[in-house]
Amino acid sequence: MHKQLLTTLAAAVLVVPVPALAQQPEIERPAAAPQAVGAVHTLRTITEACTRLEGVFTGKEEPPYAIRAVQSAPGCQPRARFDGEAAPDAGEGWILNDRITVPSAACADQTAMVEVWRLPGTAAPPELDAQGKARIYFKEGQQAQRPDTSRLQRYATTLRTVGTCAAR
């Protein structure tokens, strides 16, 4: 009887839904090198969005870690958007693209976890011309005053800090 109960409990444990953290990112990477408080470091460059993500341990209780998105190159032409205001949700089509884990050099128990999410876009290249090339001609380019970026692939981030720092 007890053996059957344990088997049933073990089977029930296997069916329990796994939290979002268990979702595997598209990019696998080891933890970053430990970072000192106040040392700004590059987390990742999102080439398609002309964006570089930078992080820093603040040394403060709130927020203990901060990230910001900066333009990666002055002349870069983005093929995707970085959306700092988005709240990515896998149920809305967002895909976990990357999980970056950054340990604190000052506090061994503290780690920042930055997740980069990707929402596939619906943008398509221009139709092919008679020579089989996707081209935008000068007059057509002038007519499109501002390109429509709403259909581009989007990127967003979430941030969690795990552990505390007693050294404050």
N, C-alpha and C. Protein backbone atom coordinates (compact mmCIF):
# COMPACT_ATOMS: atom_id res chain seq x y z
N MET A 1 0.83 -1.19 0.00
CA MET A 1 0.00 0.00 0.00
C MET A 1 0.87 1.25 0.00
N HIS A 2 1.87 1.32 0.91
CA HIS A 2 2.75 2.48 0.97
C HIS A 2 3.57 2.61 -0.30
N LYS A 3 3.98 1.47 -0.84
CA LYS A 3 4.77 1.48 -2.07
C LYS A 3 3.95 2.04 -3.23
N GLN A 4 2.66 1.66 -3.30
CA GLN A 4 1.78 2.15 -4.35
C GLN A 4 1.55 3.65 -4.19
N LEU A 5 1.41 4.13 -2.96
CA LEU A 5 1.21 5.54 -2.68
C LEU A 5 2.44 6.34 -3.10
N LEU A 6 3.64 5.84 -2.79
CA LEU A 6 4.87 6.52 -3.18
C LEU A 6 5.01 6.58 -4.71
N THR A 7 4.64 5.52 -5.39
CA THR A 7 4.70 5.50 -6.85
C THR A 7 3.73 6.52 -7.43
N THR A 8 2.54 6.61 -6.87
CA THR A 8 1.55 7.59 -7.33
C THR A 8 2.04 9.00 -7.08
N LEU A 9 2.63 9.26 -5.91
CA LEU A 9 3.16 10.58 -5.61
C LEU A 9 4.32 10.93 -6.54
N ALA A 10 5.18 9.98 -6.82
CA ALA A 10 6.30 10.23 -7.73
C ALA A 10 5.79 10.56 -9.12
N ALA A 11 4.76 9.88 -9.59
CA ALA A 11 4.18 10.17 -10.90
C ALA A 11 3.53 11.55 -10.91
N ALA A 12 2.89 11.94 -9.82
CA ALA A 12 2.25 13.26 -9.73
C ALA A 12 3.30 14.37 -9.76
N VAL A 13 4.43 14.15 -9.14
CA VAL A 13 5.51 15.13 -9.14
C VAL A 13 6.02 15.37 -10.55
N LEU A 14 6.08 14.34 -11.37
CA LEU A 14 6.55 14.46 -12.74
C LEU A 14 5.60 15.26 -13.62
N VAL A 15 4.32 15.35 -13.25
CA VAL A 15 3.33 16.04 -14.05
C VAL A 15 3.23 17.52 -13.67
N VAL A 16 3.79 17.93 -12.55
CA VAL A 16 3.69 19.30 -12.09
C VAL A 16 4.32 20.23 -13.12
N PRO A 17 3.62 21.31 -13.50
CA PRO A 17 4.18 22.23 -14.49
C PRO A 17 5.47 22.88 -13.98
N VAL A 18 6.40 23.08 -14.89
CA VAL A 18 7.69 23.66 -14.56
C VAL A 18 7.59 25.17 -14.73
N PRO A 19 8.18 25.95 -13.84
CA PRO A 19 8.10 27.40 -13.97
C PRO A 19 8.81 27.89 -15.23
N ALA A 20 8.57 29.19 -15.59
CA ALA A 20 9.11 29.77 -16.82
C ALA A 20 10.63 29.68 -16.88
N LEU A 21 11.30 29.67 -15.74
CA LEU A 21 12.76 29.62 -15.72
C LEU A 21 13.27 28.36 -16.40
N ALA A 22 12.48 27.29 -16.39
CA ALA A 22 12.90 26.03 -16.98
C ALA A 22 12.85 26.05 -18.51
N GLN A 23 12.22 27.09 -19.08
CA GLN A 23 12.18 27.20 -20.54
C GLN A 23 13.61 27.36 -21.05
N GLN A 24 13.96 26.58 -22.04
CA GLN A 24 15.32 26.62 -22.57
C GLN A 24 15.47 27.77 -23.56
N PRO A 25 16.50 28.60 -23.40
CA PRO A 25 16.71 29.69 -24.36
C PRO A 25 17.26 29.17 -25.68
N GLU A 26 17.08 29.96 -26.73
CA GLU A 26 17.62 29.60 -28.04
C GLU A 26 19.15 29.59 -28.03
N ILE A 27 19.74 30.46 -27.23
CA ILE A 27 21.20 30.56 -27.14
C ILE A 27 21.63 30.02 -25.78
N GLU A 28 22.52 29.04 -25.78
CA GLU A 28 23.06 28.47 -24.54
C GLU A 28 24.41 29.12 -24.26
N ARG A 29 24.62 29.58 -23.04
CA ARG A 29 25.90 30.17 -22.69
C ARG A 29 26.20 29.94 -21.21
N PRO A 30 27.49 29.84 -20.86
CA PRO A 30 27.84 29.69 -19.45
C PRO A 30 27.67 31.04 -18.73
N ALA A 31 27.74 31.01 -17.42
CA ALA A 31 27.65 32.23 -16.64
C ALA A 31 28.82 33.16 -16.99
N ALA A 32 28.56 34.45 -16.94
CA ALA A 32 29.60 35.44 -17.22
C ALA A 32 30.61 35.47 -16.08
N ALA A 33 31.70 36.16 -16.30
CA ALA A 33 32.70 36.35 -15.24
C ALA A 33 32.10 37.24 -14.15
N PRO A 34 32.46 37.02 -12.88
CA PRO A 34 31.94 37.88 -11.81
C PRO A 34 32.30 39.35 -12.07
N GLN A 35 31.34 40.24 -11.79
CA GLN A 35 31.52 41.67 -12.05
C GLN A 35 31.51 42.45 -10.74
N ALA A 36 32.40 43.45 -10.68
CA ALA A 36 32.52 44.31 -9.50
C ALA A 36 31.39 45.33 -9.47
N VAL A 37 31.09 45.84 -8.29
CA VAL A 37 30.09 46.88 -8.13
C VAL A 37 30.59 48.13 -8.87
N GLY A 38 29.71 48.70 -9.67
CA GLY A 38 30.04 49.92 -10.40
C GLY A 38 30.73 49.71 -11.74
N ALA A 39 31.13 48.49 -12.05
CA ALA A 39 31.81 48.21 -13.32
C ALA A 39 30.76 47.93 -14.40
N VAL A 40 30.63 48.85 -15.36
CA VAL A 40 29.69 48.68 -16.45
C VAL A 40 30.26 47.63 -17.41
N HIS A 41 29.45 46.67 -17.78
CA HIS A 41 29.91 45.60 -18.66
C HIS A 41 28.86 45.31 -19.73
N THR A 42 29.33 44.84 -20.88
CA THR A 42 28.43 44.49 -21.97
C THR A 42 27.86 43.11 -21.71
N LEU A 43 26.54 43.02 -21.77
CA LEU A 43 25.87 41.74 -21.60
C LEU A 43 25.74 41.03 -22.94
N ARG A 44 25.30 41.79 -23.94
CA ARG A 44 25.06 41.21 -25.25
C ARG A 44 24.83 42.32 -26.25
N THR A 45 25.20 42.06 -27.48
CA THR A 45 24.88 42.96 -28.59
C THR A 45 23.79 42.30 -29.42
N ILE A 46 22.73 43.03 -29.67
CA ILE A 46 21.66 42.55 -30.53
C ILE A 46 21.87 43.25 -31.87
N THR A 47 22.60 42.60 -32.73
CA THR A 47 23.02 43.19 -34.00
C THR A 47 21.85 43.67 -34.84
N GLU A 48 20.80 42.85 -34.94
CA GLU A 48 19.65 43.19 -35.77
C GLU A 48 18.97 44.48 -35.32
N ALA A 49 19.02 44.79 -34.03
CA ALA A 49 18.37 45.97 -33.48
C ALA A 49 19.35 47.12 -33.23
N CYS A 50 20.62 46.95 -33.64
CA CYS A 50 21.64 47.98 -33.45
C CYS A 50 21.72 48.40 -31.97
N THR A 51 21.62 47.43 -31.09
CA THR A 51 21.55 47.69 -29.65
C THR A 51 22.58 46.87 -28.89
N ARG A 52 23.19 47.50 -27.90
CA ARG A 52 24.09 46.80 -26.99
C ARG A 52 23.49 46.91 -25.59
N LEU A 53 23.38 45.78 -24.91
CA LEU A 53 22.86 45.76 -23.54
C LEU A 53 24.03 45.86 -22.58
N GLU A 54 23.96 46.82 -21.67
CA GLU A 54 24.99 47.00 -20.65
C GLU A 54 24.38 46.79 -19.28
N GLY A 55 25.16 46.21 -18.38
CA GLY A 55 24.70 45.97 -17.03
C GLY A 55 25.70 46.47 -16.02
N VAL A 56 25.22 46.66 -14.79
CA VAL A 56 26.10 47.11 -13.70
C VAL A 56 25.46 46.74 -12.36
N PHE A 57 26.30 46.22 -11.46
CA PHE A 57 25.86 46.04 -10.07
C PHE A 57 25.94 47.41 -9.42
N THR A 58 24.85 47.88 -8.83
CA THR A 58 24.77 49.25 -8.33
C THR A 58 25.35 49.42 -6.92
N GLY A 59 25.39 48.36 -6.15
CA GLY A 59 25.83 48.49 -4.76
C GLY A 59 24.72 48.98 -3.85
N LYS A 60 23.53 49.19 -4.40
CA LYS A 60 22.37 49.64 -3.64
C LYS A 60 21.46 48.47 -3.36
N GLU A 61 20.59 48.66 -2.41
CA GLU A 61 19.62 47.61 -2.10
C GLU A 61 18.56 47.52 -3.19
N GLU A 62 18.11 48.67 -3.71
CA GLU A 62 17.11 48.71 -4.80
C GLU A 62 17.54 49.72 -5.83
N PRO A 63 17.75 49.40 -7.01
CA PRO A 63 17.90 48.06 -7.56
C PRO A 63 19.35 47.59 -7.39
N PRO A 64 19.56 46.34 -7.09
CA PRO A 64 20.94 45.86 -6.92
C PRO A 64 21.69 45.74 -8.25
N TYR A 65 20.94 45.61 -9.35
CA TYR A 65 21.56 45.48 -10.67
C TYR A 65 20.71 46.27 -11.66
N ALA A 66 21.35 46.92 -12.59
CA ALA A 66 20.61 47.72 -13.58
C ALA A 66 21.14 47.40 -14.98
N ILE A 67 20.22 47.44 -15.95
CA ILE A 67 20.62 47.26 -17.34
C ILE A 67 20.12 48.45 -18.15
N ARG A 68 20.83 48.73 -19.26
CA ARG A 68 20.36 49.75 -20.18
C ARG A 68 20.73 49.34 -21.59
N ALA A 69 19.95 49.83 -22.53
CA ALA A 69 20.19 49.55 -23.94
C ALA A 69 20.78 50.80 -24.58
N VAL A 70 21.89 50.65 -25.27
CA VAL A 70 22.54 51.76 -25.96
C VAL A 70 22.72 51.40 -27.43
N GLN A 71 22.81 52.43 -28.26
CA GLN A 71 23.01 52.20 -29.69
C GLN A 71 24.40 51.61 -29.90
N SER A 72 24.47 50.53 -30.69
CA SER A 72 25.74 49.83 -30.87
C SER A 72 26.68 50.52 -31.85
N ALA A 73 26.15 51.19 -32.87
CA ALA A 73 26.98 51.87 -33.85
C ALA A 73 26.18 53.03 -34.44
N PRO A 74 26.81 54.18 -34.66
CA PRO A 74 26.07 55.36 -35.12
C PRO A 74 25.37 55.17 -36.48
N GLY A 75 25.96 54.48 -37.43
CA GLY A 75 25.36 54.35 -38.75
C GLY A 75 24.57 53.07 -38.96
N CYS A 76 24.31 52.35 -37.91
CA CYS A 76 23.64 51.05 -38.03
C CYS A 76 22.19 51.23 -38.48
N GLN A 77 21.76 50.38 -39.41
CA GLN A 77 20.38 50.38 -39.91
C GLN A 77 19.66 49.17 -39.31
N PRO A 78 18.77 49.38 -38.32
CA PRO A 78 18.13 48.25 -37.64
C PRO A 78 17.18 47.46 -38.53
N ARG A 79 17.22 46.15 -38.36
CA ARG A 79 16.30 45.23 -39.03
C ARG A 79 15.33 44.64 -38.01
N ALA A 80 15.45 45.10 -36.76
CA ALA A 80 14.58 44.67 -35.66
C ALA A 80 14.51 45.83 -34.68
N ARG A 81 13.59 45.76 -33.73
CA ARG A 81 13.45 46.82 -32.72
C ARG A 81 13.76 46.27 -31.34
N PHE A 82 14.41 47.09 -30.51
CA PHE A 82 14.53 46.77 -29.09
C PHE A 82 13.45 47.57 -28.40
N ASP A 83 12.59 46.88 -27.64
CA ASP A 83 11.46 47.51 -26.97
C ASP A 83 11.68 47.44 -25.46
N GLY A 84 12.16 48.53 -24.90
CA GLY A 84 12.44 48.58 -23.47
C GLY A 84 11.20 48.61 -22.60
N GLU A 85 10.04 48.89 -23.20
CA GLU A 85 8.79 48.99 -22.45
C GLU A 85 7.98 47.70 -22.45
N ALA A 86 8.36 46.76 -23.30
CA ALA A 86 7.57 45.53 -23.46
C ALA A 86 7.66 44.65 -22.22
N ALA A 87 6.60 43.91 -21.98
CA ALA A 87 6.56 42.90 -20.93
C ALA A 87 6.41 41.55 -21.63
N PRO A 88 7.54 40.93 -22.00
CA PRO A 88 7.45 39.70 -22.79
C PRO A 88 6.73 38.58 -22.06
N ASP A 89 5.91 37.86 -22.83
CA ASP A 89 5.13 36.76 -22.29
C ASP A 89 5.11 35.65 -23.34
N ALA A 90 5.53 34.46 -22.95
CA ALA A 90 5.57 33.33 -23.88
C ALA A 90 4.19 33.04 -24.46
N GLY A 91 3.14 33.31 -23.72
CA GLY A 91 1.79 33.08 -24.20
C GLY A 91 1.38 34.04 -25.31
N GLU A 92 2.10 35.14 -25.45
CA GLU A 92 1.79 36.13 -26.48
C GLU A 92 2.73 36.00 -27.68
N GLY A 93 3.48 34.90 -27.74
CA GLY A 93 4.34 34.67 -28.90
C GLY A 93 5.81 35.00 -28.67
N TRP A 94 6.16 35.55 -27.51
CA TRP A 94 7.56 35.86 -27.22
C TRP A 94 8.34 34.56 -27.03
N ILE A 95 9.56 34.53 -27.53
CA ILE A 95 10.43 33.36 -27.45
C ILE A 95 11.65 33.73 -26.62
N LEU A 96 11.97 32.89 -25.63
CA LEU A 96 13.17 33.13 -24.82
C LEU A 96 14.38 32.91 -25.72
N ASN A 97 15.10 33.99 -25.99
CA ASN A 97 16.22 33.94 -26.92
C ASN A 97 17.54 33.67 -26.20
N ASP A 98 17.73 34.27 -25.02
CA ASP A 98 19.02 34.19 -24.34
C ASP A 98 18.83 34.40 -22.85
N ARG A 99 19.59 33.70 -22.05
CA ARG A 99 19.60 33.90 -20.60
C ARG A 99 21.04 34.17 -20.20
N ILE A 100 21.29 35.35 -19.65
CA ILE A 100 22.64 35.78 -19.28
C ILE A 100 22.70 35.86 -17.77
N THR A 101 23.57 35.08 -17.18
CA THR A 101 23.73 35.05 -15.73
C THR A 101 25.04 35.74 -15.37
N VAL A 102 24.96 36.75 -14.50
CA VAL A 102 26.14 37.53 -14.11
C VAL A 102 26.29 37.48 -12.59
N PRO A 103 27.31 36.79 -12.09
CA PRO A 103 27.54 36.78 -10.64
C PRO A 103 28.21 38.07 -10.18
N SER A 104 27.97 38.41 -8.93
CA SER A 104 28.60 39.59 -8.33
C SER A 104 29.96 39.20 -7.77
N ALA A 105 30.97 40.02 -8.03
CA ALA A 105 32.30 39.77 -7.48
C ALA A 105 32.34 40.12 -5.99
N ALA A 106 31.50 41.06 -5.57
CA ALA A 106 31.48 41.50 -4.18
C ALA A 106 30.69 40.58 -3.27
N CYS A 107 29.68 39.91 -3.81
CA CYS A 107 28.81 39.05 -3.01
C CYS A 107 28.62 37.72 -3.73
N ALA A 108 29.22 36.70 -3.23
CA ALA A 108 29.18 35.39 -3.88
C ALA A 108 27.75 34.85 -4.00
N ASP A 109 26.86 35.28 -3.12
CA ASP A 109 25.48 34.78 -3.13
C ASP A 109 24.56 35.55 -4.08
N GLN A 110 25.05 36.62 -4.69
CA GLN A 110 24.18 37.46 -5.52
C GLN A 110 24.49 37.27 -7.02
N THR A 111 23.42 37.08 -7.79
CA THR A 111 23.54 36.88 -9.23
C THR A 111 22.43 37.65 -9.93
N ALA A 112 22.78 38.29 -11.04
CA ALA A 112 21.79 38.94 -11.88
C ALA A 112 21.47 38.00 -13.03
N MET A 113 20.19 37.88 -13.35
CA MET A 113 19.78 37.03 -14.46
C MET A 113 18.98 37.89 -15.44
N VAL A 114 19.58 38.10 -16.61
CA VAL A 114 18.95 38.89 -17.66
C VAL A 114 18.46 37.93 -18.73
N GLU A 115 17.18 38.02 -19.07
CA GLU A 115 16.63 37.20 -20.13
C GLU A 115 16.28 38.10 -21.31
N VAL A 116 16.75 37.70 -22.48
CA VAL A 116 16.45 38.43 -23.71
C VAL A 116 15.37 37.65 -24.44
N TRP A 117 14.28 38.32 -24.76
CA TRP A 117 13.14 37.71 -25.42
C TRP A 117 13.01 38.25 -26.83
N ARG A 118 12.50 37.43 -27.73
CA ARG A 118 12.35 37.79 -29.14
C ARG A 118 10.91 37.53 -29.57
N LEU A 119 10.31 38.52 -30.23
CA LEU A 119 8.98 38.37 -30.80
C LEU A 119 9.15 38.43 -32.32
N PRO A 120 8.93 37.31 -33.01
CA PRO A 120 9.12 37.30 -34.47
C PRO A 120 8.22 38.34 -35.14
N GLY A 121 8.76 38.97 -36.16
CA GLY A 121 8.01 39.99 -36.89
C GLY A 121 7.34 39.42 -38.12
N THR A 122 6.54 40.27 -38.76
CA THR A 122 5.84 39.86 -39.98
C THR A 122 6.34 40.62 -41.19
N ALA A 123 7.39 41.41 -41.02
CA ALA A 123 7.92 42.19 -42.14
C ALA A 123 8.50 41.26 -43.20
N ALA A 124 8.33 41.66 -44.45
CA ALA A 124 8.85 40.88 -45.56
C ALA A 124 9.63 41.80 -46.49
N PRO A 125 10.61 41.27 -47.18
CA PRO A 125 11.35 42.12 -48.12
C PRO A 125 10.45 42.54 -49.28
N PRO A 126 10.85 43.58 -50.01
CA PRO A 126 10.04 44.00 -51.16
C PRO A 126 9.91 42.87 -52.18
N GLU A 127 8.87 42.94 -52.99
CA GLU A 127 8.67 41.93 -54.02
C GLU A 127 9.84 41.96 -55.00
N LEU A 128 10.12 40.81 -55.60
CA LEU A 128 11.21 40.71 -56.57
C LEU A 128 10.81 41.38 -57.88
N ASP A 129 11.78 42.07 -58.49
CA ASP A 129 11.51 42.69 -59.79
C ASP A 129 11.76 41.68 -60.91
N ALA A 130 11.71 42.16 -62.14
CA ALA A 130 11.84 41.27 -63.30
C ALA A 130 13.19 40.55 -63.34
N GLN A 131 14.19 41.10 -62.68
CA GLN A 131 15.52 40.48 -62.66
C GLN A 131 15.72 39.60 -61.43
N GLY A 132 14.67 39.43 -60.64
CA GLY A 132 14.75 38.57 -59.47
C GLY A 132 15.42 39.22 -58.26
N LYS A 133 15.48 40.55 -58.22
CA LYS A 133 16.10 41.28 -57.11
C LYS A 133 15.04 42.03 -56.31
N ALA A 134 15.22 42.09 -55.00
CA ALA A 134 14.34 42.89 -54.14
C ALA A 134 14.95 44.28 -54.07
N ARG A 135 14.30 45.23 -54.68
CA ARG A 135 14.86 46.59 -54.77
C ARG A 135 13.81 47.61 -54.36
N ILE A 136 14.31 48.71 -53.85
CA ILE A 136 13.49 49.89 -53.61
C ILE A 136 14.08 50.98 -54.47
N TYR A 137 13.28 51.49 -55.40
CA TYR A 137 13.76 52.51 -56.32
C TYR A 137 13.64 53.89 -55.68
N PHE A 138 14.43 54.82 -56.17
CA PHE A 138 14.56 56.13 -55.57
C PHE A 138 13.21 56.80 -55.33
N LYS A 139 12.34 56.84 -56.33
CA LYS A 139 11.04 57.51 -56.18
C LYS A 139 10.18 56.82 -55.13
N GLU A 140 10.22 55.48 -55.10
CA GLU A 140 9.45 54.74 -54.09
C GLU A 140 10.00 55.03 -52.69
N GLY A 141 11.31 55.13 -52.59
CA GLY A 141 11.93 55.43 -51.30
C GLY A 141 11.56 56.80 -50.80
N GLN A 142 11.41 57.76 -51.71
CA GLN A 142 11.02 59.11 -51.31
C GLN A 142 9.57 59.14 -50.84
N GLN A 143 8.72 58.31 -51.44
CA GLN A 143 7.32 58.30 -51.08
C GLN A 143 7.11 57.72 -49.68
N ALA A 144 7.94 56.78 -49.29
CA ALA A 144 7.85 56.20 -47.94
C ALA A 144 8.66 57.09 -47.01
N GLN A 145 8.02 58.08 -46.41
CA GLN A 145 8.74 59.06 -45.61
C GLN A 145 9.35 58.45 -44.36
N ARG A 146 8.60 57.66 -43.69
CA ARG A 146 9.11 57.02 -42.48
C ARG A 146 8.77 55.54 -42.58
N PRO A 147 9.77 54.67 -42.46
CA PRO A 147 9.49 53.24 -42.59
C PRO A 147 8.59 52.73 -41.46
N ASP A 148 7.76 51.76 -41.78
CA ASP A 148 6.86 51.13 -40.81
C ASP A 148 7.65 50.09 -40.03
N THR A 149 7.90 50.36 -38.76
CA THR A 149 8.68 49.44 -37.93
C THR A 149 7.80 48.53 -37.08
N SER A 150 6.48 48.67 -37.18
CA SER A 150 5.58 47.88 -36.35
C SER A 150 5.61 46.39 -36.70
N ARG A 151 6.06 46.05 -37.91
CA ARG A 151 6.07 44.65 -38.32
C ARG A 151 7.45 44.00 -38.15
N LEU A 152 8.41 44.75 -37.65
CA LEU A 152 9.75 44.20 -37.46
C LEU A 152 9.79 43.26 -36.25
N GLN A 153 10.74 42.36 -36.26
CA GLN A 153 10.99 41.51 -35.09
C GLN A 153 11.34 42.43 -33.91
N ARG A 154 10.88 42.07 -32.71
CA ARG A 154 11.15 42.88 -31.51
C ARG A 154 11.95 42.08 -30.50
N TYR A 155 12.75 42.79 -29.72
CA TYR A 155 13.49 42.21 -28.61
C TYR A 155 13.15 42.98 -27.34
N ALA A 156 13.14 42.28 -26.23
CA ALA A 156 12.89 42.89 -24.93
C ALA A 156 13.66 42.10 -23.88
N THR A 157 13.79 42.67 -22.70
CA THR A 157 14.52 41.98 -21.63
C THR A 157 13.70 41.92 -20.36
N THR A 158 14.02 40.94 -19.54
CA THR A 158 13.52 40.87 -18.17
C THR A 158 14.74 40.72 -17.27
N LEU A 159 14.63 41.19 -16.06
CA LEU A 159 15.76 41.17 -15.13
C LEU A 159 15.29 40.65 -13.78
N ARG A 160 16.07 39.74 -13.22
CA ARG A 160 15.86 39.25 -11.86
C ARG A 160 17.20 39.24 -11.16
N THR A 161 17.20 39.57 -9.91
CA THR A 161 18.41 39.44 -9.10
C THR A 161 18.13 38.39 -8.05
N VAL A 162 19.00 37.38 -8.01
CA VAL A 162 18.85 36.27 -7.09
C VAL A 162 19.89 36.43 -5.99
N GLY A 163 19.47 36.28 -4.75
CA GLY A 163 20.38 36.38 -3.61
C GLY A 163 20.50 37.81 -3.12
N THR A 164 21.18 37.94 -2.00
CA THR A 164 21.37 39.26 -1.40
C THR A 164 22.84 39.50 -1.12
N CYS A 165 23.13 40.74 -0.81
CA CYS A 165 24.51 41.11 -0.50
C CYS A 165 24.54 41.69 0.91
N ALA A 166 25.16 40.99 1.80
CA ALA A 166 25.23 41.44 3.20
C ALA A 166 26.34 42.46 3.40
N ALA A 167 27.18 42.72 2.39
CA ALA A 167 28.33 43.60 2.53
C ALA A 167 27.96 45.08 2.47
N ARG A 168 26.68 45.41 2.29
CA ARG A 168 26.27 46.82 2.17
C ARG A 168 26.30 47.53 3.49
